[in-house]
Amino acid sequence: MDCLFCKIAGKEIKSEIVWENNELMAFKDIQPLAPVHVLLIPKKHIQSLVDIKGSDQPLIGEIFSAVSIVAEKLGIKEQGFQILVRTGKSGGQEVPHLHVHILQGTRF
C-alpha cells in the first residue's frame, strides 16, 4: 500500500511522534495550521470516516479516548483545543487515511 500515514505508522517515514500505543500514533503535522497541530491516526488503514466498519468501533472509541491523552501530553488539555476530522475530497481530506487533527491556538 502506498499510503503516507501507513508509512509513518510503520516508521518507514520519519515523523515527530508525540504519543503512540499498539493501535494509534500521534505526530506533529508538517504543515501546521495552528501553534499546536498534531495528527492522531489509527495504525490500521481506514480511508475515512465513511469507511469505518462495525468491527472498527472499538478502535474508533480508542481514538477519541486517546485525544484526551494526547492533549494532556501536549499541555493543552486544561486550556481547551479543537479536533477536526475531514472526510473525502470535498471535505478537505488530503491524505486518504482516517486522522484526527488536534489543534490549539487558532480558531477555525
N, C-alpha and C. Protein backbone atom coordinates (compact mmCIF):
# COMPACT_ATOMS: atom_id res chain seq x y z
N MET A 1 0.83 -1.18 0.00
CA MET A 1 0.00 0.00 0.00
C MET A 1 0.88 1.25 0.00
N ASP A 2 0.48 2.22 -0.77
CA ASP A 2 1.27 3.43 -0.90
C ASP A 2 0.61 4.59 -0.13
N CYS A 3 0.32 4.36 1.14
CA CYS A 3 -0.34 5.35 1.98
C CYS A 3 0.70 6.05 2.86
N LEU A 4 0.74 7.37 2.76
CA LEU A 4 1.70 8.16 3.54
C LEU A 4 1.59 7.87 5.04
N PHE A 5 0.37 7.88 5.58
CA PHE A 5 0.22 7.68 7.02
C PHE A 5 0.51 6.25 7.44
N CYS A 6 0.26 5.28 6.57
CA CYS A 6 0.64 3.90 6.88
C CYS A 6 2.16 3.79 6.96
N LYS A 7 2.85 4.52 6.08
CA LYS A 7 4.32 4.51 6.11
C LYS A 7 4.84 5.20 7.37
N ILE A 8 4.18 6.26 7.81
CA ILE A 8 4.56 6.92 9.06
C ILE A 8 4.31 5.98 10.23
N ALA A 9 3.13 5.34 10.25
CA ALA A 9 2.80 4.39 11.32
C ALA A 9 3.78 3.23 11.37
N GLY A 10 4.25 2.80 10.20
CA GLY A 10 5.22 1.71 10.12
C GLY A 10 6.65 2.18 10.29
N LYS A 11 6.82 3.47 10.52
CA LYS A 11 8.12 4.11 10.74
C LYS A 11 9.05 3.98 9.55
N GLU A 12 8.45 3.89 8.36
CA GLU A 12 9.22 3.93 7.12
C GLU A 12 9.56 5.39 6.78
N ILE A 13 8.70 6.29 7.24
CA ILE A 13 8.91 7.73 7.05
C ILE A 13 9.01 8.34 8.44
N LYS A 14 10.05 9.15 8.64
CA LYS A 14 10.29 9.75 9.94
C LYS A 14 9.25 10.84 10.22
N SER A 15 8.82 10.91 11.46
CA SER A 15 7.91 11.96 11.91
C SER A 15 8.23 12.28 13.36
N GLU A 16 7.73 13.41 13.82
CA GLU A 16 7.93 13.80 15.21
C GLU A 16 6.76 13.24 16.03
N ILE A 17 6.97 12.06 16.55
CA ILE A 17 5.92 11.34 17.29
C ILE A 17 5.74 11.98 18.66
N VAL A 18 4.48 12.26 18.99
CA VAL A 18 4.12 12.84 20.27
C VAL A 18 3.70 11.75 21.25
N TRP A 19 3.00 10.72 20.73
CA TRP A 19 2.47 9.64 21.56
C TRP A 19 2.11 8.48 20.65
N GLU A 20 2.22 7.28 21.17
CA GLU A 20 1.72 6.12 20.44
C GLU A 20 1.47 4.96 21.37
N ASN A 21 0.62 4.05 20.90
CA ASN A 21 0.44 2.76 21.55
C ASN A 21 0.39 1.72 20.43
N ASN A 22 -0.08 0.53 20.71
CA ASN A 22 -0.07 -0.52 19.69
C ASN A 22 -1.00 -0.23 18.51
N GLU A 23 -2.07 0.54 18.75
CA GLU A 23 -3.09 0.76 17.73
C GLU A 23 -3.07 2.14 17.08
N LEU A 24 -2.50 3.13 17.79
CA LEU A 24 -2.61 4.52 17.38
C LEU A 24 -1.26 5.23 17.42
N MET A 25 -1.19 6.33 16.69
CA MET A 25 0.01 7.17 16.73
C MET A 25 -0.42 8.63 16.58
N ALA A 26 0.24 9.50 17.35
CA ALA A 26 0.03 10.94 17.22
C ALA A 26 1.37 11.57 16.88
N PHE A 27 1.36 12.43 15.88
CA PHE A 27 2.60 13.08 15.44
C PHE A 27 2.29 14.50 14.99
N LYS A 28 3.33 15.35 15.02
CA LYS A 28 3.16 16.74 14.63
C LYS A 28 2.94 16.85 13.13
N ASP A 29 2.00 17.71 12.76
CA ASP A 29 1.72 17.98 11.36
C ASP A 29 2.89 18.76 10.76
N ILE A 30 3.33 18.38 9.58
CA ILE A 30 4.48 19.07 8.96
C ILE A 30 4.08 20.41 8.32
N GLN A 31 2.77 20.64 8.17
CA GLN A 31 2.25 21.92 7.68
C GLN A 31 1.20 22.42 8.66
N PRO A 32 1.63 22.83 9.86
CA PRO A 32 0.66 23.17 10.91
C PRO A 32 -0.23 24.35 10.55
N LEU A 33 -1.49 24.23 10.94
CA LEU A 33 -2.47 25.29 10.75
C LEU A 33 -2.65 26.12 12.02
N ALA A 34 -2.01 25.70 13.10
CA ALA A 34 -2.13 26.36 14.40
C ALA A 34 -0.83 26.13 15.16
N PRO A 35 -0.60 26.91 16.22
CA PRO A 35 0.62 26.71 17.01
C PRO A 35 0.79 25.27 17.52
N VAL A 36 -0.32 24.65 17.91
CA VAL A 36 -0.30 23.22 18.23
C VAL A 36 -1.15 22.53 17.17
N HIS A 37 -0.53 21.60 16.44
CA HIS A 37 -1.25 20.86 15.40
C HIS A 37 -0.66 19.46 15.32
N VAL A 38 -1.41 18.52 15.85
CA VAL A 38 -0.98 17.12 15.89
C VAL A 38 -2.03 16.28 15.18
N LEU A 39 -1.58 15.26 14.50
CA LEU A 39 -2.47 14.31 13.84
C LEU A 39 -2.48 13.01 14.63
N LEU A 40 -3.66 12.50 14.88
CA LEU A 40 -3.84 11.22 15.57
C LEU A 40 -4.42 10.25 14.56
N ILE A 41 -3.71 9.14 14.34
CA ILE A 41 -4.14 8.17 13.32
C ILE A 41 -4.23 6.77 13.90
N PRO A 42 -5.12 5.95 13.34
CA PRO A 42 -5.05 4.53 13.65
C PRO A 42 -3.92 3.94 12.81
N LYS A 43 -3.20 3.00 13.35
CA LYS A 43 -2.15 2.34 12.57
C LYS A 43 -2.75 1.44 11.49
N LYS A 44 -3.96 0.98 11.74
CA LYS A 44 -4.70 0.21 10.73
C LYS A 44 -5.20 1.18 9.67
N HIS A 45 -5.08 0.81 8.42
CA HIS A 45 -5.55 1.69 7.35
C HIS A 45 -7.08 1.68 7.28
N ILE A 46 -7.66 2.83 7.52
CA ILE A 46 -9.07 3.10 7.26
C ILE A 46 -9.06 4.39 6.45
N GLN A 47 -9.64 4.38 5.29
CA GLN A 47 -9.50 5.52 4.39
C GLN A 47 -10.14 6.80 4.95
N SER A 48 -11.36 6.71 5.48
CA SER A 48 -12.03 7.90 6.00
C SER A 48 -13.16 7.48 6.94
N LEU A 49 -13.86 8.46 7.48
CA LEU A 49 -14.99 8.16 8.37
C LEU A 49 -16.03 7.27 7.70
N VAL A 50 -16.27 7.47 6.43
CA VAL A 50 -17.30 6.70 5.75
C VAL A 50 -16.87 5.25 5.47
N ASP A 51 -15.63 4.93 5.75
CA ASP A 51 -15.13 3.58 5.53
C ASP A 51 -15.04 2.76 6.82
N ILE A 52 -15.50 3.33 7.93
CA ILE A 52 -15.48 2.61 9.20
C ILE A 52 -16.50 1.47 9.13
N LYS A 53 -16.08 0.32 9.57
CA LYS A 53 -16.95 -0.86 9.61
C LYS A 53 -17.34 -1.14 11.06
N GLY A 54 -18.34 -1.93 11.26
CA GLY A 54 -18.78 -2.28 12.61
C GLY A 54 -17.65 -2.84 13.46
N SER A 55 -16.78 -3.63 12.85
CA SER A 55 -15.67 -4.22 13.60
C SER A 55 -14.63 -3.18 14.01
N ASP A 56 -14.70 -1.97 13.43
CA ASP A 56 -13.76 -0.89 13.79
C ASP A 56 -14.22 -0.07 14.98
N GLN A 57 -15.42 -0.30 15.47
CA GLN A 57 -15.96 0.55 16.54
C GLN A 57 -15.08 0.61 17.78
N PRO A 58 -14.52 -0.49 18.26
CA PRO A 58 -13.62 -0.37 19.42
C PRO A 58 -12.41 0.53 19.14
N LEU A 59 -11.86 0.44 17.94
CA LEU A 59 -10.72 1.27 17.56
C LEU A 59 -11.12 2.74 17.50
N ILE A 60 -12.29 3.03 16.98
CA ILE A 60 -12.76 4.41 16.89
C ILE A 60 -12.97 4.98 18.29
N GLY A 61 -13.50 4.18 19.19
CA GLY A 61 -13.63 4.61 20.59
C GLY A 61 -12.26 4.90 21.20
N GLU A 62 -11.29 4.06 20.88
CA GLU A 62 -9.94 4.25 21.40
C GLU A 62 -9.32 5.55 20.86
N ILE A 63 -9.62 5.88 19.61
CA ILE A 63 -9.11 7.13 19.03
C ILE A 63 -9.60 8.31 19.86
N PHE A 64 -10.90 8.36 20.13
CA PHE A 64 -11.43 9.51 20.84
C PHE A 64 -11.02 9.52 22.31
N SER A 65 -10.75 8.38 22.89
CA SER A 65 -10.18 8.36 24.24
C SER A 65 -8.74 8.88 24.22
N ALA A 66 -8.01 8.56 23.17
CA ALA A 66 -6.62 8.98 23.05
C ALA A 66 -6.48 10.48 22.84
N VAL A 67 -7.50 11.14 22.30
CA VAL A 67 -7.45 12.60 22.12
C VAL A 67 -7.13 13.26 23.45
N SER A 68 -7.78 12.84 24.52
CA SER A 68 -7.54 13.41 25.85
C SER A 68 -6.12 13.14 26.33
N ILE A 69 -5.63 11.95 26.08
CA ILE A 69 -4.27 11.58 26.48
C ILE A 69 -3.25 12.45 25.74
N VAL A 70 -3.44 12.61 24.45
CA VAL A 70 -2.52 13.42 23.65
C VAL A 70 -2.60 14.89 24.07
N ALA A 71 -3.81 15.39 24.30
CA ALA A 71 -3.97 16.78 24.73
C ALA A 71 -3.26 17.02 26.07
N GLU A 72 -3.34 16.06 26.96
CA GLU A 72 -2.64 16.19 28.24
C GLU A 72 -1.12 16.18 28.02
N LYS A 73 -0.66 15.29 27.18
CA LYS A 73 0.78 15.21 26.87
C LYS A 73 1.29 16.51 26.26
N LEU A 74 0.45 17.17 25.46
CA LEU A 74 0.82 18.43 24.81
C LEU A 74 0.67 19.64 25.74
N GLY A 75 0.06 19.43 26.90
CA GLY A 75 -0.16 20.53 27.84
C GLY A 75 -1.29 21.46 27.46
N ILE A 76 -2.26 20.97 26.69
CA ILE A 76 -3.38 21.80 26.25
C ILE A 76 -4.73 21.32 26.76
N LYS A 77 -4.74 20.26 27.53
CA LYS A 77 -6.00 19.67 27.97
C LYS A 77 -6.84 20.64 28.78
N GLU A 78 -6.24 21.35 29.71
CA GLU A 78 -6.99 22.25 30.58
C GLU A 78 -7.41 23.54 29.86
N GLN A 79 -6.58 24.02 28.94
CA GLN A 79 -6.87 25.27 28.23
C GLN A 79 -7.99 25.10 27.21
N GLY A 80 -8.06 23.94 26.63
CA GLY A 80 -9.02 23.67 25.57
C GLY A 80 -8.33 23.56 24.22
N PHE A 81 -9.00 22.92 23.30
CA PHE A 81 -8.45 22.65 21.98
C PHE A 81 -9.60 22.27 21.06
N GLN A 82 -9.28 22.12 19.80
CA GLN A 82 -10.26 21.68 18.81
C GLN A 82 -9.82 20.36 18.21
N ILE A 83 -10.80 19.57 17.77
CA ILE A 83 -10.48 18.42 16.94
C ILE A 83 -11.22 18.60 15.62
N LEU A 84 -10.62 18.08 14.58
CA LEU A 84 -11.17 18.21 13.24
C LEU A 84 -10.94 16.89 12.52
N VAL A 85 -12.01 16.39 11.92
CA VAL A 85 -11.90 15.19 11.07
C VAL A 85 -12.47 15.56 9.71
N ARG A 86 -11.64 15.56 8.72
CA ARG A 86 -12.08 15.86 7.36
C ARG A 86 -12.36 14.55 6.64
N THR A 87 -13.38 14.56 5.79
CA THR A 87 -13.78 13.34 5.11
C THR A 87 -13.96 13.59 3.62
N GLY A 88 -13.19 12.89 2.83
CA GLY A 88 -13.30 12.98 1.38
C GLY A 88 -12.74 14.27 0.81
N LYS A 89 -12.61 14.29 -0.49
CA LYS A 89 -12.01 15.41 -1.20
C LYS A 89 -12.78 16.71 -0.95
N SER A 90 -14.09 16.68 -1.05
CA SER A 90 -14.89 17.90 -0.82
C SER A 90 -14.87 18.33 0.64
N GLY A 91 -14.55 17.42 1.53
CA GLY A 91 -14.43 17.74 2.95
C GLY A 91 -13.05 18.24 3.33
N GLY A 92 -12.14 18.29 2.36
CA GLY A 92 -10.80 18.80 2.61
C GLY A 92 -9.79 17.76 3.05
N GLN A 93 -10.16 16.47 2.99
CA GLN A 93 -9.22 15.42 3.39
C GLN A 93 -8.14 15.29 2.33
N GLU A 94 -6.89 15.52 2.75
CA GLU A 94 -5.78 15.49 1.80
C GLU A 94 -5.08 14.14 1.76
N VAL A 95 -5.03 13.44 2.88
CA VAL A 95 -4.40 12.11 2.93
C VAL A 95 -5.51 11.09 3.15
N PRO A 96 -5.66 10.12 2.24
CA PRO A 96 -6.73 9.14 2.36
C PRO A 96 -6.45 8.07 3.43
N HIS A 97 -6.39 8.52 4.67
CA HIS A 97 -6.21 7.65 5.84
C HIS A 97 -6.88 8.42 6.98
N LEU A 98 -7.80 7.79 7.66
CA LEU A 98 -8.53 8.44 8.75
C LEU A 98 -7.55 9.10 9.72
N HIS A 99 -7.80 10.36 10.04
CA HIS A 99 -6.96 11.05 11.01
C HIS A 99 -7.75 12.17 11.68
N VAL A 100 -7.37 12.42 12.91
CA VAL A 100 -7.99 13.47 13.71
C VAL A 100 -6.94 14.55 13.92
N HIS A 101 -7.29 15.78 13.55
CA HIS A 101 -6.42 16.91 13.81
C HIS A 101 -6.71 17.39 15.23
N ILE A 102 -5.68 17.58 16.04
CA ILE A 102 -5.80 18.16 17.37
C ILE A 102 -5.12 19.52 17.27
N LEU A 103 -5.90 20.58 17.45
CA LEU A 103 -5.44 21.95 17.20
C LEU A 103 -5.67 22.83 18.42
N GLN A 104 -4.72 23.71 18.65
CA GLN A 104 -4.89 24.69 19.72
C GLN A 104 -4.13 25.95 19.36
N GLY A 105 -4.74 27.09 19.60
CA GLY A 105 -4.07 28.35 19.36
C GLY A 105 -4.65 29.16 18.23
N THR A 106 -5.50 28.58 17.40
CA THR A 106 -6.16 29.29 16.32
C THR A 106 -7.59 28.76 16.24
N ARG A 107 -8.53 29.65 16.05
CA ARG A 107 -9.93 29.23 15.90
C ARG A 107 -10.26 29.01 14.43
N PHE A 108 -10.98 27.95 14.17
CA PHE A 108 -11.41 27.63 12.80
C PHE A 108 -12.91 27.76 12.71
